[in-house]
Amino acid sequence: MPKVILKGPLVTQLNFKEAIVNGRSLFEILSKIDENRNIIMTNNYKIKPGILILVNGKDWRISKLDEIREEDIIEIIPINHGG
């Protein structure tokens, strides 16, 4: 099953640093982690601004993944920025 690694304040917000999460798609896995708390995803299942998702070290938007494999590593990183 895919391994999920959280970074920064997400560890405290979601109460874990690493977990094995069953799921076939990235959004299925993210939904299980977020559990309708809207920390990672919005109500309409979009990744919130300021959240970077890496699958095997690559931005998920660039890799155009259709399916997550059992050996994949998903890192969820909040992007801190200011003005």
PDB file of N, CA and C in Angstrom:
ATOM      1  N   MET A   1       0.837  -1.185   0.000  1.00  0.00           N
ATOM      2  CA  MET A   1       0.000   0.000   0.000  1.00  0.00           C
ATOM      3  C   MET A   1       0.882   1.249   0.000  1.00  0.00           C
ATOM      4  N   PRO A   2       0.401   2.329  -0.582  1.00  0.00           N
ATOM      5  CA  PRO A   2       1.185   3.559  -0.651  1.00  0.00           C
ATOM      6  C   PRO A   2       1.490   4.123   0.742  1.00  0.00           C
ATOM      7  N   LYS A   3       2.650   4.729   0.854  1.00  0.00           N
ATOM      8  CA  LYS A   3       3.072   5.368   2.092  1.00  0.00           C
ATOM      9  C   LYS A   3       2.856   6.869   1.957  1.00  0.00           C
ATOM     10  N   VAL A   4       2.252   7.470   2.983  1.00  0.00           N
ATOM     11  CA  VAL A   4       1.993   8.909   3.000  1.00  0.00           C
ATOM     12  C   VAL A   4       2.865   9.536   4.083  1.00  0.00           C
ATOM     13  N   ILE A   5       3.579  10.590   3.715  1.00  0.00           N
ATOM     14  CA  ILE A   5       4.445  11.318   4.643  1.00  0.00           C
ATOM     15  C   ILE A   5       3.971  12.768   4.700  1.00  0.00           C
ATOM     16  N   LEU A   6       3.691  13.242   5.897  1.00  0.00           N
ATOM     17  CA  LEU A   6       3.281  14.635   6.094  1.00  0.00           C
ATOM     18  C   LEU A   6       4.474  15.459   6.545  1.00  0.00           C
ATOM     19  N   LYS A   7       4.482  16.729   6.191  1.00  0.00           N
ATOM     20  CA  LYS A   7       5.550  17.652   6.573  1.00  0.00           C
ATOM     21  C   LYS A   7       4.962  18.861   7.296  1.00  0.00           C
ATOM     22  N   GLY A   8       5.795  19.501   8.095  1.00  0.00           N
ATOM     23  CA  GLY A   8       5.426  20.750   8.751  1.00  0.00           C
ATOM     24  C   GLY A   8       4.226  20.641   9.675  1.00  0.00           C
ATOM     25  N   PRO A   9       3.390  21.677   9.714  1.00  0.00           N
ATOM     26  CA  PRO A   9       2.257  21.713  10.644  1.00  0.00           C
ATOM     27  C   PRO A   9       1.180  20.665  10.346  1.00  0.00           C
ATOM     28  N   LEU A  10       1.222  20.047   9.179  1.00  0.00           N
ATOM     29  CA  LEU A  10       0.237  19.004   8.878  1.00  0.00           C
ATOM     30  C   LEU A  10       0.360  17.815   9.830  1.00  0.00           C
ATOM     31  N   VAL A  11       1.569  17.574  10.330  1.00  0.00           N
ATOM     32  CA  VAL A  11       1.783  16.478  11.275  1.00  0.00           C
ATOM     33  C   VAL A  11       0.912  16.681  12.514  1.00  0.00           C
ATOM     34  N   THR A  12       0.893  17.903  13.027  1.00  0.00           N
ATOM     35  CA  THR A  12       0.076  18.212  14.206  1.00  0.00           C
ATOM     36  C   THR A  12      -1.408  18.242  13.869  1.00  0.00           C
ATOM     37  N   GLN A  13      -1.760  18.826  12.730  1.00  0.00           N
ATOM     38  CA  GLN A  13      -3.165  18.966  12.354  1.00  0.00           C
ATOM     39  C   GLN A  13      -3.831  17.617  12.089  1.00  0.00           C
ATOM     40  N   LEU A  14      -3.093  16.679  11.499  1.00  0.00           N
ATOM     41  CA  LEU A  14      -3.682  15.387  11.128  1.00  0.00           C
ATOM     42  C   LEU A  14      -3.255  14.249  12.048  1.00  0.00           C
ATOM     43  N   ASN A  15      -2.425  14.553  13.033  1.00  0.00           N
ATOM     44  CA  ASN A  15      -2.025  13.613  14.088  1.00  0.00           C
ATOM     45  C   ASN A  15      -1.230  12.402  13.621  1.00  0.00           C
ATOM     46  N   PHE A  16      -0.437  12.534  12.581  1.00  0.00           N
ATOM     47  CA  PHE A  16       0.512  11.482  12.201  1.00  0.00           C
ATOM     48  C   PHE A  16       1.582  12.080  11.301  1.00  0.00           C
ATOM     49  N   LYS A  17       2.721  11.398  11.227  1.00  0.00           N
ATOM     50  CA  LYS A  17       3.811  11.843  10.360  1.00  0.00           C
ATOM     51  C   LYS A  17       3.924  10.943   9.137  1.00  0.00           C
ATOM     52  N   GLU A  18       3.779   9.638   9.341  1.00  0.00           N
ATOM     53  CA  GLU A  18       3.829   8.670   8.247  1.00  0.00           C
ATOM     54  C   GLU A  18       2.733   7.644   8.453  1.00  0.00           C
ATOM     55  N   ALA A  19       2.143   7.194   7.346  1.00  0.00           N
ATOM     56  CA  ALA A  19       1.091   6.179   7.428  1.00  0.00           C
ATOM     57  C   ALA A  19       1.016   5.421   6.113  1.00  0.00           C
ATOM     58  N   ILE A  20       0.584   4.201   6.208  1.00  0.00           N
ATOM     59  CA  ILE A  20       0.268   3.403   5.033  1.00  0.00           C
ATOM     60  C   ILE A  20      -1.234   3.543   4.806  1.00  0.00           C
ATOM     61  N   VAL A  21      -1.617   4.014   3.622  1.00  0.00           N
ATOM     62  CA  VAL A  21      -3.027   4.296   3.346  1.00  0.00           C
ATOM     63  C   VAL A  21      -3.446   3.544   2.087  1.00  0.00           C
ATOM     64  N   ASN A  22      -4.495   2.767   2.188  1.00  0.00           N
ATOM     65  CA  ASN A  22      -5.006   2.007   1.056  1.00  0.00           C
ATOM     66  C   ASN A  22      -5.811   2.925   0.138  1.00  0.00           C
ATOM     67  N   GLY A  23      -5.559   2.817  -1.153  1.00  0.00           N
ATOM     68  CA  GLY A  23      -6.305   3.594  -2.128  1.00  0.00           C
ATOM     69  C   GLY A  23      -5.725   3.408  -3.510  1.00  0.00           C
ATOM     70  N   ARG A  24      -6.559   3.535  -4.521  1.00  0.00           N
ATOM     71  CA  ARG A  24      -6.114   3.339  -5.900  1.00  0.00           C
ATOM     72  C   ARG A  24      -5.794   4.643  -6.607  1.00  0.00           C
ATOM     73  N   SER A  25      -6.378   5.737  -6.127  1.00  0.00           N
ATOM     74  CA  SER A  25      -6.107   7.038  -6.762  1.00  0.00           C
ATOM     75  C   SER A  25      -5.608   8.014  -5.703  1.00  0.00           C
ATOM     76  N   LEU A  26      -4.939   9.050  -6.148  1.00  0.00           N
ATOM     77  CA  LEU A  26      -4.426  10.060  -5.231  1.00  0.00           C
ATOM     78  C   LEU A  26      -5.571  10.711  -4.453  1.00  0.00           C
ATOM     79  N   PHE A  27      -6.666  11.019  -5.125  1.00  0.00           N
ATOM     80  CA  PHE A  27      -7.772  11.698  -4.454  1.00  0.00           C
ATOM     81  C   PHE A  27      -8.489  10.784  -3.457  1.00  0.00           C
ATOM     82  N   GLU A  28      -8.525   9.495  -3.728  1.00  0.00           N
ATOM     83  CA  GLU A  28      -9.094   8.551  -2.765  1.00  0.00           C
ATOM     84  C   GLU A  28      -8.243   8.534  -1.488  1.00  0.00           C
ATOM     85  N   ILE A  29      -6.929   8.503  -1.652  1.00  0.00           N
ATOM     86  CA  ILE A  29      -6.021   8.498  -0.504  1.00  0.00           C
ATOM     87  C   ILE A  29      -6.110   9.817   0.263  1.00  0.00           C
ATOM     88  N   LEU A  30      -6.102  10.937  -0.455  1.00  0.00           N
ATOM     89  CA  LEU A  30      -6.198  12.238   0.211  1.00  0.00           C
ATOM     90  C   LEU A  30      -7.522  12.401   0.953  1.00  0.00           C
ATOM     91  N   SER A  31      -8.606  11.874   0.388  1.00  0.00           N
ATOM     92  CA  SER A  31      -9.909  11.947   1.058  1.00  0.00           C
ATOM     93  C   SER A  31      -9.897  11.164   2.368  1.00  0.00           C
ATOM     94  N   LYS A  32      -9.245  10.010   2.364  1.00  0.00           N
ATOM     95  CA  LYS A  32      -9.162   9.207   3.589  1.00  0.00           C
ATOM     96  C   LYS A  32      -8.354   9.924   4.664  1.00  0.00           C
ATOM     97  N   ILE A  33      -7.299  10.609   4.253  1.00  0.00           N
ATOM     98  CA  ILE A  33      -6.457  11.328   5.213  1.00  0.00           C
ATOM     99  C   ILE A  33      -7.177  12.554   5.749  1.00  0.00           C
ATOM    100  N   ASP A  34      -7.798  13.318   4.878  1.00  0.00           N
ATOM    101  CA  ASP A  34      -8.422  14.590   5.249  1.00  0.00           C
ATOM    102  C   ASP A  34      -9.720  14.390   6.030  1.00  0.00           C
ATOM    103  N   GLU A  35     -10.449  13.339   5.767  1.00  0.00           N
ATOM    104  CA  GLU A  35     -11.690  13.004   6.487  1.00  0.00           C
ATOM    105  C   GLU A  35     -12.639  14.188   6.633  1.00  0.00           C
ATOM    106  N   ASN A  36     -12.855  14.922   5.545  1.00  0.00           N
ATOM    107  CA  ASN A  36     -13.786  16.061   5.516  1.00  0.00           C
ATOM    108  C   ASN A  36     -13.416  17.186   6.482  1.00  0.00           C
ATOM    109  N   ARG A  37     -12.151  17.275   6.856  1.00  0.00           N
ATOM    110  CA  ARG A  37     -11.714  18.366   7.734  1.00  0.00           C
ATOM    111  C   ARG A  37     -11.283  19.591   6.937  1.00  0.00           C
ATOM    112  N   ASN A  38     -11.157  19.451   5.621  1.00  0.00           N
ATOM    113  CA  ASN A  38     -10.761  20.557   4.734  1.00  0.00           C
ATOM    114  C   ASN A  38      -9.386  21.126   5.087  1.00  0.00           C
ATOM    115  N   ILE A  39      -8.475  20.267   5.493  1.00  0.00           N
ATOM    116  CA  ILE A  39      -7.107  20.694   5.757  1.00  0.00           C
ATOM    117  C   ILE A  39      -6.291  20.604   4.475  1.00  0.00           C
ATOM    118  N   ILE A  40      -6.492  19.541   3.711  1.00  0.00           N
ATOM    119  CA  ILE A  40      -5.754  19.315   2.472  1.00  0.00           C
ATOM    120  C   ILE A  40      -6.618  19.610   1.251  1.00  0.00           C
ATOM    121  N   MET A  41      -7.896  19.259   1.331  1.00  0.00           N
ATOM    122  CA  MET A  41      -8.798  19.391   0.183  1.00  0.00           C
ATOM    123  C   MET A  41      -9.989  20.268   0.526  1.00  0.00           C
ATOM    124  N   THR A  42     -10.572  20.878  -0.505  1.00  0.00           N
ATOM    125  CA  THR A  42     -11.784  21.674  -0.336  1.00  0.00           C
ATOM    126  C   THR A  42     -12.999  20.742  -0.360  1.00  0.00           C
ATOM    127  N   ASN A  43     -14.169  21.305  -0.128  1.00  0.00           N
ATOM    128  CA  ASN A  43     -15.404  20.506  -0.158  1.00  0.00           C
ATOM    129  C   ASN A  43     -15.680  19.897  -1.528  1.00  0.00           C
ATOM    130  N   ASN A  44     -15.171  20.503  -2.588  1.00  0.00           N
ATOM    131  CA  ASN A  44     -15.407  19.969  -3.934  1.00  0.00           C
ATOM    132  C   ASN A  44     -14.206  19.167  -4.447  1.00  0.00           C
ATOM    133  N   TYR A  45     -13.460  18.578  -3.503  1.00  0.00           N
ATOM    134  CA  TYR A  45     -12.372  17.631  -3.800  1.00  0.00           C
ATOM    135  C   TYR A  45     -11.254  18.211  -4.667  1.00  0.00           C
ATOM    136  N   LYS A  46     -10.894  19.446  -4.387  1.00  0.00           N
ATOM    137  CA  LYS A  46      -9.730  20.057  -5.020  1.00  0.00           C
ATOM    138  C   LYS A  46      -8.683  20.268  -3.935  1.00  0.00           C
ATOM    139  N   ILE A  47      -7.425  20.125  -4.313  1.00  0.00           N
ATOM    140  CA  ILE A  47      -6.359  20.352  -3.353  1.00  0.00           C
ATOM    141  C   ILE A  47      -6.279  21.839  -3.059  1.00  0.00           C
ATOM    142  N   LYS A  48      -6.224  22.166  -1.775  1.00  0.00           N
ATOM    143  CA  LYS A  48      -6.220  23.564  -1.360  1.00  0.00           C
ATOM    144  C   LYS A  48      -4.950  24.270  -1.825  1.00  0.00           C
ATOM    145  N   PRO A  49      -5.047  25.559  -2.096  1.00  0.00           N
ATOM    146  CA  PRO A  49      -3.844  26.337  -2.420  1.00  0.00           C
ATOM    147  C   PRO A  49      -2.858  26.267  -1.252  1.00  0.00           C
ATOM    148  N   GLY A  50      -1.584  26.240  -1.573  1.00  0.00           N
ATOM    149  CA  GLY A  50      -0.565  26.198  -0.536  1.00  0.00           C
ATOM    150  C   GLY A  50      -0.192  24.802  -0.090  1.00  0.00           C
ATOM    151  N   ILE A  51      -0.735  23.779  -0.745  1.00  0.00           N
ATOM    152  CA  ILE A  51      -0.404  22.388  -0.437  1.00  0.00           C
ATOM    153  C   ILE A  51       0.299  21.789  -1.651  1.00  0.00           C
ATOM    154  N   LEU A  52       1.501  21.283  -1.437  1.00  0.00           N
ATOM    155  CA  LEU A  52       2.265  20.630  -2.491  1.00  0.00           C
ATOM    156  C   LEU A  52       2.198  19.125  -2.279  1.00  0.00           C
ATOM    157  N   ILE A  53       1.839  18.392  -3.322  1.00  0.00           N
ATOM    158  CA  ILE A  53       1.744  16.938  -3.261  1.00  0.00           C
ATOM    159  C   ILE A  53       2.804  16.351  -4.184  1.00  0.00           C
ATOM    160  N   LEU A  54       3.707  15.568  -3.609  1.00  0.00           N
ATOM    161  CA  LEU A  54       4.729  14.887  -4.390  1.00  0.00           C
ATOM    162  C   LEU A  54       4.458  13.383  -4.366  1.00  0.00           C
ATOM    163  N   VAL A  55       4.542  12.761  -5.524  1.00  0.00           N
ATOM    164  CA  VAL A  55       4.441  11.305  -5.615  1.00  0.00           C
ATOM    165  C   VAL A  55       5.775  10.819  -6.150  1.00  0.00           C
ATOM    166  N   ASN A  56       6.470  10.057  -5.331  1.00  0.00           N
ATOM    167  CA  ASN A  56       7.822   9.590  -5.657  1.00  0.00           C
ATOM    168  C   ASN A  56       8.746  10.753  -6.011  1.00  0.00           C
ATOM    169  N   GLY A  57       8.607  11.861  -5.264  1.00  0.00           N
ATOM    170  CA  GLY A  57       9.482  13.011  -5.427  1.00  0.00           C
ATOM    171  C   GLY A  57       9.122  13.959  -6.547  1.00  0.00           C
ATOM    172  N   LYS A  58       8.011  13.701  -7.245  1.00  0.00           N
ATOM    173  CA  LYS A  58       7.612  14.563  -8.365  1.00  0.00           C
ATOM    174  C   LYS A  58       6.234  15.160  -8.099  1.00  0.00           C
ATOM    175  N   ASP A  59       6.073  16.411  -8.504  1.00  0.00           N
ATOM    176  CA  ASP A  59       4.786  17.097  -8.358  1.00  0.00           C
ATOM    177  C   ASP A  59       3.717  16.294  -9.094  1.00  0.00           C
ATOM    178  N   TRP A  60       2.635  15.972  -8.408  1.00  0.00           N
ATOM    179  CA  TRP A  60       1.588  15.129  -8.994  1.00  0.00           C
ATOM    180  C   TRP A  60       0.961  15.775 -10.222  1.00  0.00           C
ATOM    181  N   ARG A  61       0.953  17.116 -10.285  1.00  0.00           N
ATOM    182  CA  ARG A  61       0.345  17.804 -11.431  1.00  0.00           C
ATOM    183  C   ARG A  61       1.159  17.601 -12.697  1.00  0.00           C
ATOM    184  N   ILE A  62       2.461  17.431 -12.550  1.00  0.00           N
ATOM    185  CA  ILE A  62       3.330  17.230 -13.701  1.00  0.00           C
ATOM    186  C   ILE A  62       3.341  15.771 -14.148  1.00  0.00           C
ATOM    187  N   SER A  63       3.306  14.861 -13.186  1.00  0.00           N
ATOM    188  CA  SER A  63       3.404  13.437 -13.523  1.00  0.00           C
ATOM    189  C   SER A  63       2.123  12.869 -14.127  1.00  0.00           C
ATOM    190  N   LYS A  64       1.003  13.565 -13.969  1.00  0.00           N
ATOM    191  CA  LYS A  64      -0.284  13.155 -14.555  1.00  0.00           C
ATOM    192  C   LYS A  64      -0.636  11.702 -14.227  1.00  0.00           C
ATOM    193  N   LEU A  65      -0.696  11.422 -12.947  1.00  0.00           N
ATOM    194  CA  LEU A  65      -0.980  10.066 -12.477  1.00  0.00           C
ATOM    195  C   LEU A  65      -2.455   9.719 -12.616  1.00  0.00           C
ATOM    196  N   ASP A  66      -2.718   8.510 -13.066  1.00  0.00           N
ATOM    197  CA  ASP A  66      -4.086   8.010 -13.077  1.00  0.00           C
ATOM    198  C   ASP A  66      -4.329   7.082 -11.894  1.00  0.00           C
ATOM    199  N   GLU A  67      -3.297   6.343 -11.527  1.00  0.00           N
ATOM    200  CA  GLU A  67      -3.446   5.349 -10.479  1.00  0.00           C
ATOM    201  C   GLU A  67      -2.207   5.356  -9.594  1.00  0.00           C
ATOM    202  N   ILE A  68      -2.407   5.156  -8.312  1.00  0.00           N
ATOM    203  CA  ILE A  68      -1.314   5.056  -7.355  1.00  0.00           C
ATOM    204  C   ILE A  68      -0.964   3.579  -7.192  1.00  0.00           C
ATOM    205  N   ARG A  69       0.342   3.298  -7.206  1.00  0.00           N
ATOM    206  CA  ARG A  69       0.807   1.917  -7.037  1.00  0.00           C
ATOM    207  C   ARG A  69       1.140   1.659  -5.573  1.00  0.00           C
ATOM    208  N   GLU A  70       1.207   0.396  -5.202  1.00  0.00           N
ATOM    209  CA  GLU A  70       1.463   0.024  -3.814  1.00  0.00           C
ATOM    210  C   GLU A  70       2.792   0.535  -3.297  1.00  0.00           C
ATOM    211  N   GLU A  71       3.793   0.638  -4.152  1.00  0.00           N
ATOM    212  CA  GLU A  71       5.128   1.049  -3.713  1.00  0.00           C
ATOM    213  C   GLU A  71       5.333   2.570  -3.738  1.00  0.00           C
ATOM    214  N   ASP A  72       4.322   3.336  -4.125  1.00  0.00           N
ATOM    215  CA  ASP A  72       4.457   4.788  -4.229  1.00  0.00           C
ATOM    216  C   ASP A  72       4.582   5.450  -2.849  1.00  0.00           C
ATOM    217  N   ILE A  73       5.313   6.547  -2.836  1.00  0.00           N
ATOM    218  CA  ILE A  73       5.456   7.373  -1.637  1.00  0.00           C
ATOM    219  C   ILE A  73       4.863   8.741  -1.942  1.00  0.00           C
ATOM    220  N   ILE A  74       3.895   9.144  -1.139  1.00  0.00           N
ATOM    221  CA  ILE A  74       3.198  10.412  -1.317  1.00  0.00           C
ATOM    222  C   ILE A  74       3.617  11.342  -0.188  1.00  0.00           C
ATOM    223  N   GLU A  75       4.175  12.495  -0.543  1.00  0.00           N
ATOM    224  CA  GLU A  75       4.555  13.497   0.449  1.00  0.00           C
ATOM    225  C   GLU A  75       3.617  14.688   0.321  1.00  0.00           C
ATOM    226  N   ILE A  76       3.107  15.148   1.455  1.00  0.00           N
ATOM    227  CA  ILE A  76       2.195  16.282   1.483  1.00  0.00           C
ATOM    228  C   ILE A  76       2.885  17.400   2.257  1.00  0.00           C
ATOM    229  N   ILE A  77       3.139  18.512   1.550  1.00  0.00           N
ATOM    230  CA  ILE A  77       3.949  19.586   2.106  1.00  0.00           C
ATOM    231  C   ILE A  77       3.179  20.905   2.037  1.00  0.00           C
ATOM    232  N   PRO A  78       2.976  21.572   3.170  1.00  0.00           N
ATOM    233  CA  PRO A  78       2.376  22.906   3.113  1.00  0.00           C
ATOM    234  C   PRO A  78       3.433  23.919   2.673  1.00  0.00           C
ATOM    235  N   ILE A  79       3.045  24.823   1.825  1.00  0.00           N
ATOM    236  CA  ILE A  79       3.944  25.867   1.342  1.00  0.00           C
ATOM    237  C   ILE A  79       3.699  27.118   2.158  1.00  0.00           C
ATOM    238  N   ASN A  80       4.704  27.564   2.868  1.00  0.00           N
ATOM    239  CA  ASN A  80       4.591  28.803   3.639  1.00  0.00           C
ATOM    240  C   ASN A  80       5.071  29.962   2.806  1.00  0.00           C
ATOM    241  N   HIS A  81       4.250  30.984   2.708  1.00  0.00           N
ATOM    242  CA  HIS A  81       4.636  32.157   1.951  1.00  0.00           C
ATOM    243  C   HIS A  81       3.941  33.377   2.543  1.00  0.00           C
ATOM    244  N   GLY A  82       4.449  34.499   2.222  1.00  0.00           N
ATOM    245  CA  GLY A  82       3.858  35.725   2.752  1.00  0.00           C
ATOM    246  C   GLY A  82       4.100  36.889   1.813  1.00  0.00           C
ATOM    247  N   GLY A  83       3.646  38.008   2.197  1.00  0.00           N
ATOM    248  CA  GLY A  83       3.771  39.164   1.331  1.00  0.00           C
ATOM    249  C   GLY A  83       4.535  40.279   1.960  1.00  0.00           C
TER     250      GLY A  83
END
